[in-house]
Amino acid sequence: FARNMRLQRLLILRRGEPPSGGPLGPKQDLPSGGRLSYRLEDETGGGSGGPIAELHGILQIGTVELAVTCTDQSEWGGDPEWCLPYVGHIELLKAP
């Protein structure tokens, strides 16, 4: 989300299985009407820009579930929760 920068910041949404690696936190209601449950992981990788922190979760909108991954890389510790305002406004639209 920042062009020409070496630090990684990703938001990945996909249909499919829930993330592996441990339990998710309690479900939170979102402004869009969806519900999100997630967990945080520190120092999952990195490089010269510092360690990478990750958020892994499940976004439920009606009967649809999306796996959510957000990452943030920073020399002083990342904040993968930066993506929550964006995820909170995702909604399903009917095709025309």
PDB file of N, CA and C in Angstrom:
ATOM      1  N   PHE A   1       0.809  -1.189   0.000  1.00  0.00           N
ATOM      2  CA  PHE A   1       0.000   0.000   0.000  1.00  0.00           C
ATOM      3  C   PHE A   1       0.855   1.258   0.000  1.00  0.00           C
ATOM      4  N   ALA A   2       2.151   1.083  -0.151  1.00  0.00           N
ATOM      5  CA  ALA A   2       3.049   2.230  -0.262  1.00  0.00           C
ATOM      6  C   ALA A   2       4.025   1.920  -1.400  1.00  0.00           C
ATOM      7  N   ARG A   3       3.890   2.627  -2.507  1.00  0.00           N
ATOM      8  CA  ARG A   3       4.723   2.349  -3.678  1.00  0.00           C
ATOM      9  C   ARG A   3       6.171   2.688  -3.411  1.00  0.00           C
ATOM     10  N   ASN A   4       7.045   1.887  -4.025  1.00  0.00           N
ATOM     11  CA  ASN A   4       8.489   2.104  -3.988  1.00  0.00           C
ATOM     12  C   ASN A   4       9.058   2.087  -2.577  1.00  0.00           C
ATOM     13  N   MET A   5       8.452   1.311  -1.711  1.00  0.00           N
ATOM     14  CA  MET A   5       8.976   1.160  -0.354  1.00  0.00           C
ATOM     15  C   MET A   5       9.427  -0.279  -0.186  1.00  0.00           C
ATOM     16  N   ARG A   6      10.430  -0.513   0.628  1.00  0.00           N
ATOM     17  CA  ARG A   6      10.942  -1.869   0.803  1.00  0.00           C
ATOM     18  C   ARG A   6      10.198  -2.642   1.881  1.00  0.00           C
ATOM     19  N   LEU A   7       9.390  -1.990   2.680  1.00  0.00           N
ATOM     20  CA  LEU A   7       8.671  -2.670   3.749  1.00  0.00           C
ATOM     21  C   LEU A   7       7.409  -3.317   3.199  1.00  0.00           C
ATOM     22  N   GLN A   8       7.127  -4.526   3.672  1.00  0.00           N
ATOM     23  CA  GLN A   8       5.956  -5.256   3.200  1.00  0.00           C
ATOM     24  C   GLN A   8       4.729  -4.923   4.032  1.00  0.00           C
ATOM     25  N   ARG A   9       3.627  -4.744   3.355  1.00  0.00           N
ATOM     26  CA  ARG A   9       2.325  -4.562   4.006  1.00  0.00           C
ATOM     27  C   ARG A   9       1.302  -5.171   3.055  1.00  0.00           C
ATOM     28  N   LEU A  10       0.731  -6.315   3.448  1.00  0.00           N
ATOM     29  CA  LEU A  10      -0.166  -7.053   2.571  1.00  0.00           C
ATOM     30  C   LEU A  10      -1.514  -7.288   3.228  1.00  0.00           C
ATOM     31  N   LEU A  11      -2.552  -7.335   2.393  1.00  0.00           N
ATOM     32  CA  LEU A  11      -3.889  -7.760   2.791  1.00  0.00           C
ATOM     33  C   LEU A  11      -4.310  -8.816   1.780  1.00  0.00           C
ATOM     34  N   ILE A  12      -4.543 -10.052   2.260  1.00  0.00           N
ATOM     35  CA  ILE A  12      -4.898 -11.166   1.397  1.00  0.00           C
ATOM     36  C   ILE A  12      -6.238 -11.723   1.858  1.00  0.00           C
ATOM     37  N   LEU A  13      -7.186 -11.828   0.935  1.00  0.00           N
ATOM     38  CA  LEU A  13      -8.491 -12.434   1.193  1.00  0.00           C
ATOM     39  C   LEU A  13      -8.643 -13.614   0.244  1.00  0.00           C
ATOM     40  N   ARG A  14      -9.136 -14.725   0.768  1.00  0.00           N
ATOM     41  CA  ARG A  14      -9.353 -15.877  -0.096  1.00  0.00           C
ATOM     42  C   ARG A  14     -10.454 -16.753   0.474  1.00  0.00           C
ATOM     43  N   ARG A  15     -11.164 -17.416  -0.393  1.00  0.00           N
ATOM     44  CA  ARG A  15     -12.157 -18.399   0.041  1.00  0.00           C
ATOM     45  C   ARG A  15     -11.402 -19.677   0.357  1.00  0.00           C
ATOM     46  N   GLY A  16     -11.869 -20.361   1.350  1.00  0.00           N
ATOM     47  CA  GLY A  16     -11.228 -21.627   1.643  1.00  0.00           C
ATOM     48  C   GLY A  16     -11.164 -21.917   3.121  1.00  0.00           C
ATOM     49  N   GLU A  17     -10.194 -22.728   3.445  1.00  0.00           N
ATOM     50  CA  GLU A  17     -10.068 -23.243   4.798  1.00  0.00           C
ATOM     51  C   GLU A  17      -9.640 -22.173   5.793  1.00  0.00           C
ATOM     52  N   PRO A  18     -10.011 -22.363   7.061  1.00  0.00           N
ATOM     53  CA  PRO A  18      -9.548 -21.452   8.102  1.00  0.00           C
ATOM     54  C   PRO A  18      -8.031 -21.556   8.250  1.00  0.00           C
ATOM     55  N   PRO A  19      -7.397 -20.534   8.765  1.00  0.00           N
ATOM     56  CA  PRO A  19      -5.943 -20.584   8.940  1.00  0.00           C
ATOM     57  C   PRO A  19      -5.548 -21.627   9.972  1.00  0.00           C
ATOM     58  N   SER A  20      -4.433 -22.294   9.724  1.00  0.00           N
ATOM     59  CA  SER A  20      -3.910 -23.246  10.699  1.00  0.00           C
ATOM     60  C   SER A  20      -2.964 -22.517  11.640  1.00  0.00           C
ATOM     61  N   GLY A  21      -2.528 -23.198  12.679  1.00  0.00           N
ATOM     62  CA  GLY A  21      -1.515 -22.611  13.546  1.00  0.00           C
ATOM     63  C   GLY A  21      -1.985 -22.184  14.911  1.00  0.00           C
ATOM     64  N   GLY A  22      -3.205 -22.445  15.266  1.00  0.00           N
ATOM     65  CA  GLY A  22      -3.648 -22.094  16.609  1.00  0.00           C
ATOM     66  C   GLY A  22      -5.047 -21.533  16.624  1.00  0.00           C
ATOM     67  N   PRO A  23      -5.586 -21.382  17.818  1.00  0.00           N
ATOM     68  CA  PRO A  23      -6.966 -20.898  17.939  1.00  0.00           C
ATOM     69  C   PRO A  23      -7.092 -19.422  17.571  1.00  0.00           C
ATOM     70  N   LEU A  24      -8.277 -19.066  17.105  1.00  0.00           N
ATOM     71  CA  LEU A  24      -8.592 -17.673  16.800  1.00  0.00           C
ATOM     72  C   LEU A  24      -9.296 -17.056  17.994  1.00  0.00           C
ATOM     73  N   GLY A  25      -9.257 -15.752  18.089  1.00  0.00           N
ATOM     74  CA  GLY A  25      -9.918 -15.040  19.176  1.00  0.00           C
ATOM     75  C   GLY A  25     -11.429 -15.024  18.988  1.00  0.00           C
ATOM     76  N   PRO A  26     -12.141 -14.388  19.908  1.00  0.00           N
ATOM     77  CA  PRO A  26     -13.599 -14.317  19.807  1.00  0.00           C
ATOM     78  C   PRO A  26     -14.030 -13.514  18.582  1.00  0.00           C
ATOM     79  N   LYS A  27     -15.232 -13.806  18.083  1.00  0.00           N
ATOM     80  CA  LYS A  27     -15.760 -13.104  16.916  1.00  0.00           C
ATOM     81  C   LYS A  27     -16.148 -11.679  17.287  1.00  0.00           C
ATOM     82  N   GLN A  28     -15.815 -10.762  16.382  1.00  0.00           N
ATOM     83  CA  GLN A  28     -16.137  -9.347  16.567  1.00  0.00           C
ATOM     84  C   GLN A  28     -17.102  -8.914  15.469  1.00  0.00           C
ATOM     85  N   ASP A  29     -18.126  -8.185  15.831  1.00  0.00           N
ATOM     86  CA  ASP A  29     -19.057  -7.629  14.846  1.00  0.00           C
ATOM     87  C   ASP A  29     -18.397  -6.457  14.135  1.00  0.00           C
ATOM     88  N   LEU A  30     -18.606  -6.373  12.824  1.00  0.00           N
ATOM     89  CA  LEU A  30     -17.994  -5.339  11.998  1.00  0.00           C
ATOM     90  C   LEU A  30     -19.052  -4.369  11.470  1.00  0.00           C
ATOM     91  N   PRO A  31     -18.647  -3.142  11.083  1.00  0.00           N
ATOM     92  CA  PRO A  31     -19.599  -2.160  10.565  1.00  0.00           C
ATOM     93  C   PRO A  31     -20.387  -2.655   9.356  1.00  0.00           C
ATOM     94  N   SER A  32     -19.790  -3.565   8.558  1.00  0.00           N
ATOM     95  CA  SER A  32     -20.448  -4.072   7.354  1.00  0.00           C
ATOM     96  C   SER A  32     -21.506  -5.129   7.656  1.00  0.00           C
ATOM     97  N   GLY A  33     -21.583  -5.575   8.902  1.00  0.00           N
ATOM     98  CA  GLY A  33     -22.502  -6.649   9.261  1.00  0.00           C
ATOM     99  C   GLY A  33     -21.813  -7.999   9.332  1.00  0.00           C
ATOM    100  N   GLY A  34     -20.564  -8.068   8.918  1.00  0.00           N
ATOM    101  CA  GLY A  34     -19.805  -9.311   8.993  1.00  0.00           C
ATOM    102  C   GLY A  34     -19.260  -9.533  10.397  1.00  0.00           C
ATOM    103  N   ARG A  35     -18.621 -10.667  10.570  1.00  0.00           N
ATOM    104  CA  ARG A  35     -17.990 -11.001  11.848  1.00  0.00           C
ATOM    105  C   ARG A  35     -16.576 -11.489  11.566  1.00  0.00           C
ATOM    106  N   LEU A  36     -15.636 -11.080  12.404  1.00  0.00           N
ATOM    107  CA  LEU A  36     -14.229 -11.427  12.219  1.00  0.00           C
ATOM    108  C   LEU A  36     -13.672 -12.030  13.494  1.00  0.00           C
ATOM    109  N   SER A  37     -12.935 -13.122  13.328  1.00  0.00           N
ATOM    110  CA  SER A  37     -12.197 -13.746  14.415  1.00  0.00           C
ATOM    111  C   SER A  37     -10.758 -13.890  13.930  1.00  0.00           C
ATOM    112  N   TYR A  38      -9.770 -13.496  14.763  1.00  0.00           N
ATOM    113  CA  TYR A  38      -8.382 -13.544  14.298  1.00  0.00           C
ATOM    114  C   TYR A  38      -7.403 -13.740  15.444  1.00  0.00           C
ATOM    115  N   ARG A  39      -6.153 -14.022  15.054  1.00  0.00           N
ATOM    116  CA  ARG A  39      -5.042 -14.096  16.002  1.00  0.00           C
ATOM    117  C   ARG A  39      -3.847 -13.358  15.391  1.00  0.00           C
ATOM    118  N   LEU A  40      -2.931 -12.934  16.248  1.00  0.00           N
ATOM    119  CA  LEU A  40      -1.731 -12.216  15.824  1.00  0.00           C
ATOM    120  C   LEU A  40      -0.505 -13.089  16.037  1.00  0.00           C
ATOM    121  N   GLU A  41       0.465 -12.966  15.130  1.00  0.00           N
ATOM    122  CA  GLU A  41       1.740 -13.656  15.247  1.00  0.00           C
ATOM    123  C   GLU A  41       2.854 -12.656  14.998  1.00  0.00           C
ATOM    124  N   ASP A  42       3.839 -12.621  15.889  1.00  0.00           N
ATOM    125  CA  ASP A  42       4.982 -11.718  15.740  1.00  0.00           C
ATOM    126  C   ASP A  42       6.160 -12.440  15.117  1.00  0.00           C
ATOM    127  N   GLU A  43       6.989 -11.687  14.430  1.00  0.00           N
ATOM    128  CA  GLU A  43       8.250 -12.155  13.860  1.00  0.00           C
ATOM    129  C   GLU A  43       8.097 -13.466  13.090  1.00  0.00           C
ATOM    130  N   THR A  44       7.265 -13.436  12.060  1.00  0.00           N
ATOM    131  CA  THR A  44       7.047 -14.616  11.229  1.00  0.00           C
ATOM    132  C   THR A  44       8.029 -14.692  10.064  1.00  0.00           C
ATOM    133  N   GLY A  45       8.898 -13.770   9.961  1.00  0.00           N
ATOM    134  CA  GLY A  45       9.884 -13.683   8.888  1.00  0.00           C
ATOM    135  C   GLY A  45      10.445 -12.277   8.902  1.00  0.00           C
ATOM    136  N   GLY A  46      11.054 -11.881   7.808  1.00  0.00           N
ATOM    137  CA  GLY A  46      11.556 -10.524   7.736  1.00  0.00           C
ATOM    138  C   GLY A  46      12.802 -10.429   6.893  1.00  0.00           C
ATOM    139  N   GLY A  47      13.437  -9.304   7.011  1.00  0.00           N
ATOM    140  CA  GLY A  47      14.641  -9.026   6.250  1.00  0.00           C
ATOM    141  C   GLY A  47      15.246  -7.728   6.735  1.00  0.00           C
ATOM    142  N   SER A  48      15.889  -7.006   5.829  1.00  0.00           N
ATOM    143  CA  SER A  48      16.579  -5.780   6.227  1.00  0.00           C
ATOM    144  C   SER A  48      15.616  -4.697   6.705  1.00  0.00           C
ATOM    145  N   GLY A  49      14.316  -4.843   6.386  1.00  0.00           N
ATOM    146  CA  GLY A  49      13.318  -3.880   6.843  1.00  0.00           C
ATOM    147  C   GLY A  49      12.788  -4.178   8.224  1.00  0.00           C
ATOM    148  N   GLY A  50      13.228  -5.304   8.812  1.00  0.00           N
ATOM    149  CA  GLY A  50      12.778  -5.673  10.140  1.00  0.00           C
ATOM    150  C   GLY A  50      11.881  -6.898  10.109  1.00  0.00           C
ATOM    151  N   PRO A  51      11.383  -7.301  11.268  1.00  0.00           N
ATOM    152  CA  PRO A  51      10.530  -8.487  11.338  1.00  0.00           C
ATOM    153  C   PRO A  51       9.138  -8.217  10.765  1.00  0.00           C
ATOM    154  N   ILE A  52       8.471  -9.306  10.381  1.00  0.00           N
ATOM    155  CA  ILE A  52       7.107  -9.234   9.862  1.00  0.00           C
ATOM    156  C   ILE A  52       6.152  -9.769  10.916  1.00  0.00           C
ATOM    157  N   ALA A  53       5.082  -9.040  11.179  1.00  0.00           N
ATOM    158  CA  ALA A  53       4.006  -9.496  12.063  1.00  0.00           C
ATOM    159  C   ALA A  53       2.797  -9.804  11.190  1.00  0.00           C
ATOM    160  N   GLU A  54       2.010 -10.825  11.587  1.00  0.00           N
ATOM    161  CA  GLU A  54       0.882 -11.256  10.769  1.00  0.00           C
ATOM    162  C   GLU A  54      -0.393 -11.363  11.582  1.00  0.00           C
ATOM    163  N   LEU A  55      -1.510 -11.111  10.906  1.00  0.00           N
ATOM    164  CA  LEU A  55      -2.846 -11.341  11.428  1.00  0.00           C
ATOM    165  C   LEU A  55      -3.458 -12.423  10.553  1.00  0.00           C
ATOM    166  N   HIS A  56      -3.998 -13.476  11.172  1.00  0.00           N
ATOM    167  CA  HIS A  56      -4.679 -14.551  10.456  1.00  0.00           C
ATOM    168  C   HIS A  56      -6.078 -14.670  11.022  1.00  0.00           C
ATOM    169  N   GLY A  57      -7.075 -14.733  10.148  1.00  0.00           N
ATOM    170  CA  GLY A  57      -8.426 -14.821  10.664  1.00  0.00           C
ATOM    171  C   GLY A  57      -9.432 -15.321   9.655  1.00  0.00           C
ATOM    172  N   ILE A  58     -10.677 -15.339  10.111  1.00  0.00           N
ATOM    173  CA  ILE A  58     -11.820 -15.717   9.282  1.00  0.00           C
ATOM    174  C   ILE A  58     -12.836 -14.584   9.326  1.00  0.00           C
ATOM    175  N   LEU A  59     -13.218 -14.114   8.146  1.00  0.00           N
ATOM    176  CA  LEU A  59     -14.263 -13.107   7.991  1.00  0.00           C
ATOM    177  C   LEU A  59     -15.521 -13.825   7.524  1.00  0.00           C
ATOM    178  N   GLN A  60     -16.587 -13.703   8.290  1.00  0.00           N
ATOM    179  CA  GLN A  60     -17.855 -14.334   7.936  1.00  0.00           C
ATOM    180  C   GLN A  60     -18.857 -13.252   7.567  1.00  0.00           C
ATOM    181  N   ILE A  61     -19.377 -13.349   6.338  1.00  0.00           N
ATOM    182  CA  ILE A  61     -20.391 -12.425   5.850  1.00  0.00           C
ATOM    183  C   ILE A  61     -21.556 -13.288   5.371  1.00  0.00           C
ATOM    184  N   GLY A  62     -22.618 -13.322   6.143  1.00  0.00           N
ATOM    185  CA  GLY A  62     -23.720 -14.220   5.818  1.00  0.00           C
ATOM    186  C   GLY A  62     -23.239 -15.658   5.864  1.00  0.00           C
ATOM    187  N   THR A  63     -23.406 -16.375   4.757  1.00  0.00           N
ATOM    188  CA  THR A  63     -22.971 -17.773   4.698  1.00  0.00           C
ATOM    189  C   THR A  63     -21.584 -17.937   4.083  1.00  0.00           C
ATOM    190  N   VAL A  64     -20.949 -16.835   3.714  1.00  0.00           N
ATOM    191  CA  VAL A  64     -19.632 -16.878   3.080  1.00  0.00           C
ATOM    192  C   VAL A  64     -18.543 -16.650   4.124  1.00  0.00           C
ATOM    193  N   GLU A  65     -17.503 -17.488   4.055  1.00  0.00           N
ATOM    194  CA  GLU A  65     -16.343 -17.308   4.928  1.00  0.00           C
ATOM    195  C   GLU A  65     -15.117 -17.049   4.070  1.00  0.00           C
ATOM    196  N   LEU A  66     -14.359 -16.032   4.449  1.00  0.00           N
ATOM    197  CA  LEU A  66     -13.121 -15.687   3.770  1.00  0.00           C
ATOM    198  C   LEU A  66     -11.972 -15.766   4.761  1.00  0.00           C
ATOM    199  N   ALA A  67     -10.884 -16.391   4.346  1.00  0.00           N
ATOM    200  CA  ALA A  67      -9.665 -16.373   5.146  1.00  0.00           C
ATOM    201  C   ALA A  67      -8.995 -15.016   4.940  1.00  0.00           C
ATOM    202  N   VAL A  68      -8.537 -14.415   6.014  1.00  0.00           N
ATOM    203  CA  VAL A  68      -7.918 -13.089   5.986  1.00  0.00           C
ATOM    204  C   VAL A  68      -6.488 -13.199   6.494  1.00  0.00           C
ATOM    205  N   THR A  69      -5.553 -12.629   5.749  1.00  0.00           N
ATOM    206  CA  THR A  69      -4.167 -12.511   6.207  1.00  0.00           C
ATOM    207  C   THR A  69      -3.735 -11.069   5.993  1.00  0.00           C
ATOM    208  N   CYS A  70      -3.216 -10.437   7.047  1.00  0.00           N
ATOM    209  CA  CYS A  70      -2.653  -9.091   6.954  1.00  0.00           C
ATOM    210  C   CYS A  70      -1.234  -9.158   7.504  1.00  0.00           C
ATOM    211  N   THR A  71      -0.312  -8.504   6.831  1.00  0.00           N
ATOM    212  CA  THR A  71       1.063  -8.466   7.322  1.00  0.00           C
ATOM    213  C   THR A  71       1.554  -7.028   7.401  1.00  0.00           C
ATOM    214  N   ASP A  72       2.544  -6.841   8.262  1.00  0.00           N
ATOM    215  CA  ASP A  72       3.197  -5.531   8.379  1.00  0.00           C
ATOM    216  C   ASP A  72       4.640  -5.767   8.773  1.00  0.00           C
ATOM    217  N   GLN A  73       5.549  -5.112   8.084  1.00  0.00           N
ATOM    218  CA  GLN A  73       6.977  -5.216   8.378  1.00  0.00           C
ATOM    219  C   GLN A  73       7.485  -3.871   8.872  1.00  0.00           C
ATOM    220  N   SER A  74       8.234  -3.911   9.962  1.00  0.00           N
ATOM    221  CA  SER A  74       8.772  -2.677  10.527  1.00  0.00           C
ATOM    222  C   SER A  74       9.997  -3.007  11.367  1.00  0.00           C
ATOM    223  N   GLU A  75      10.965  -2.121  11.362  1.00  0.00           N
ATOM    224  CA  GLU A  75      12.154  -2.324  12.185  1.00  0.00           C
ATOM    225  C   GLU A  75      11.822  -2.289  13.669  1.00  0.00           C
ATOM    226  N   TRP A  76      10.729  -1.639  14.044  1.00  0.00           N
ATOM    227  CA  TRP A  76      10.373  -1.483  15.461  1.00  0.00           C
ATOM    228  C   TRP A  76       9.123  -2.274  15.833  1.00  0.00           C
ATOM    229  N   GLY A  77       8.812  -3.300  15.081  1.00  0.00           N
ATOM    230  CA  GLY A  77       7.645  -4.126  15.372  1.00  0.00           C
ATOM    231  C   GLY A  77       6.466  -3.710  14.510  1.00  0.00           C
ATOM    232  N   GLY A  78       5.910  -4.654  13.799  1.00  0.00           N
ATOM    233  CA  GLY A  78       4.816  -4.360  12.887  1.00  0.00           C
ATOM    234  C   GLY A  78       3.468  -4.338  13.586  1.00  0.00           C
ATOM    235  N   ASP A  79       2.488  -3.768  12.905  1.00  0.00           N
ATOM    236  CA  ASP A  79       1.120  -3.693  13.405  1.00  0.00           C
ATOM    237  C   ASP A  79       0.190  -4.249  12.332  1.00  0.00           C
ATOM    238  N   PRO A  80      -0.019  -5.580  12.299  1.00  0.00           N
ATOM    239  CA  PRO A  80      -0.852  -6.146  11.255  1.00  0.00           C
ATOM    240  C   PRO A  80      -2.329  -5.794  11.402  1.00  0.00           C
ATOM    241  N   GLU A  81      -2.720  -5.182  12.501  1.00  0.00           N
ATOM    242  CA  GLU A  81      -4.111  -4.766  12.672  1.00  0.00           C
ATOM    243  C   GLU A  81      -4.438  -3.497  11.877  1.00  0.00           C
ATOM    244  N   TRP A  82      -3.465  -2.957  11.131  1.00  0.00           N
ATOM    245  CA  TRP A  82      -3.705  -1.781  10.288  1.00  0.00           C
ATOM    246  C   TRP A  82      -4.848  -2.043   9.310  1.00  0.00           C
ATOM    247  N   CYS A  83      -5.059  -3.326   8.941  1.00  0.00           N
ATOM    248  CA  CYS A  83      -6.042  -3.656   7.909  1.00  0.00           C
ATOM    249  C   CYS A  83      -7.470  -3.744   8.439  1.00  0.00           C
ATOM    250  N   LEU A  84      -7.675  -3.740   9.740  1.00  0.00           N
ATOM    251  CA  LEU A  84      -9.009  -3.938  10.295  1.00  0.00           C
ATOM    252  C   LEU A  84     -10.043  -2.911   9.811  1.00  0.00           C
ATOM    253  N   PRO A  85      -9.710  -1.625   9.688  1.00  0.00           N
ATOM    254  CA  PRO A  85     -10.710  -0.692   9.157  1.00  0.00           C
ATOM    255  C   PRO A  85     -11.158  -1.047   7.731  1.00  0.00           C
ATOM    256  N   TYR A  86     -10.252  -1.605   6.928  1.00  0.00           N
ATOM    257  CA  TYR A  86     -10.598  -1.995   5.560  1.00  0.00           C
ATOM    258  C   TYR A  86     -11.444  -3.268   5.565  1.00  0.00           C
ATOM    259  N   VAL A  87     -11.020  -4.260   6.329  1.00  0.00           N
ATOM    260  CA  VAL A  87     -11.758  -5.522   6.420  1.00  0.00           C
ATOM    261  C   VAL A  87     -13.163  -5.273   6.973  1.00  0.00           C
ATOM    262  N   GLY A  88     -13.282  -4.331   7.889  1.00  0.00           N
ATOM    263  CA  GLY A  88     -14.563  -4.037   8.510  1.00  0.00           C
ATOM    264  C   GLY A  88     -15.610  -3.477   7.577  1.00  0.00           C
ATOM    265  N   HIS A  89     -15.186  -3.056   6.380  1.00  0.00           N
ATOM    266  CA  HIS A  89     -16.141  -2.490   5.424  1.00  0.00           C
ATOM    267  C   HIS A  89     -16.351  -3.367   4.192  1.00  0.00           C
ATOM    268  N   ILE A  90     -15.823  -4.579   4.219  1.00  0.00           N
ATOM    269  CA  ILE A  90     -16.035  -5.498   3.101  1.00  0.00           C
ATOM    270  C   ILE A  90     -17.457  -6.044   3.193  1.00  0.00           C
ATOM    271  N   GLU A  91     -18.139  -6.023   2.069  1.00  0.00           N
ATOM    272  CA  GLU A  91     -19.491  -6.574   2.023  1.00  0.00           C
ATOM    273  C   GLU A  91     -19.689  -7.290   0.695  1.00  0.00           C
ATOM    274  N   LEU A  92     -20.634  -8.199   0.670  1.00  0.00           N
ATOM    275  CA  LEU A  92     -20.961  -8.926  -0.548  1.00  0.00           C
ATOM    276  C   LEU A  92     -22.015  -8.142  -1.325  1.00  0.00           C
ATOM    277  N   LEU A  93     -21.810  -8.050  -2.613  1.00  0.00           N
ATOM    278  CA  LEU A  93     -22.756  -7.366  -3.492  1.00  0.00           C
ATOM    279  C   LEU A  93     -23.338  -8.391  -4.463  1.00  0.00           C
ATOM    280  N   LYS A  94     -24.592  -8.230  -4.790  1.00  0.00           N
ATOM    281  CA  LYS A  94     -25.216  -9.114  -5.772  1.00  0.00           C
ATOM    282  C   LYS A  94     -24.785  -8.681  -7.170  1.00  0.00           C
ATOM    283  N   ALA A  95     -24.564  -9.670  -8.010  1.00  0.00           N
ATOM    284  CA  ALA A  95     -24.210  -9.388  -9.400  1.00  0.00           C
ATOM    285  C   ALA A  95     -25.409  -8.779 -10.118  1.00  0.00           C
ATOM    286  N   PRO A  96     -25.157  -7.826 -11.011  1.00  0.00           N
ATOM    287  CA  PRO A  96     -26.270  -7.195 -11.743  1.00  0.00           C
ATOM    288  C   PRO A  96     -26.966  -8.182 -12.662  1.00  0.00           C
TER     289      PRO A  96
END
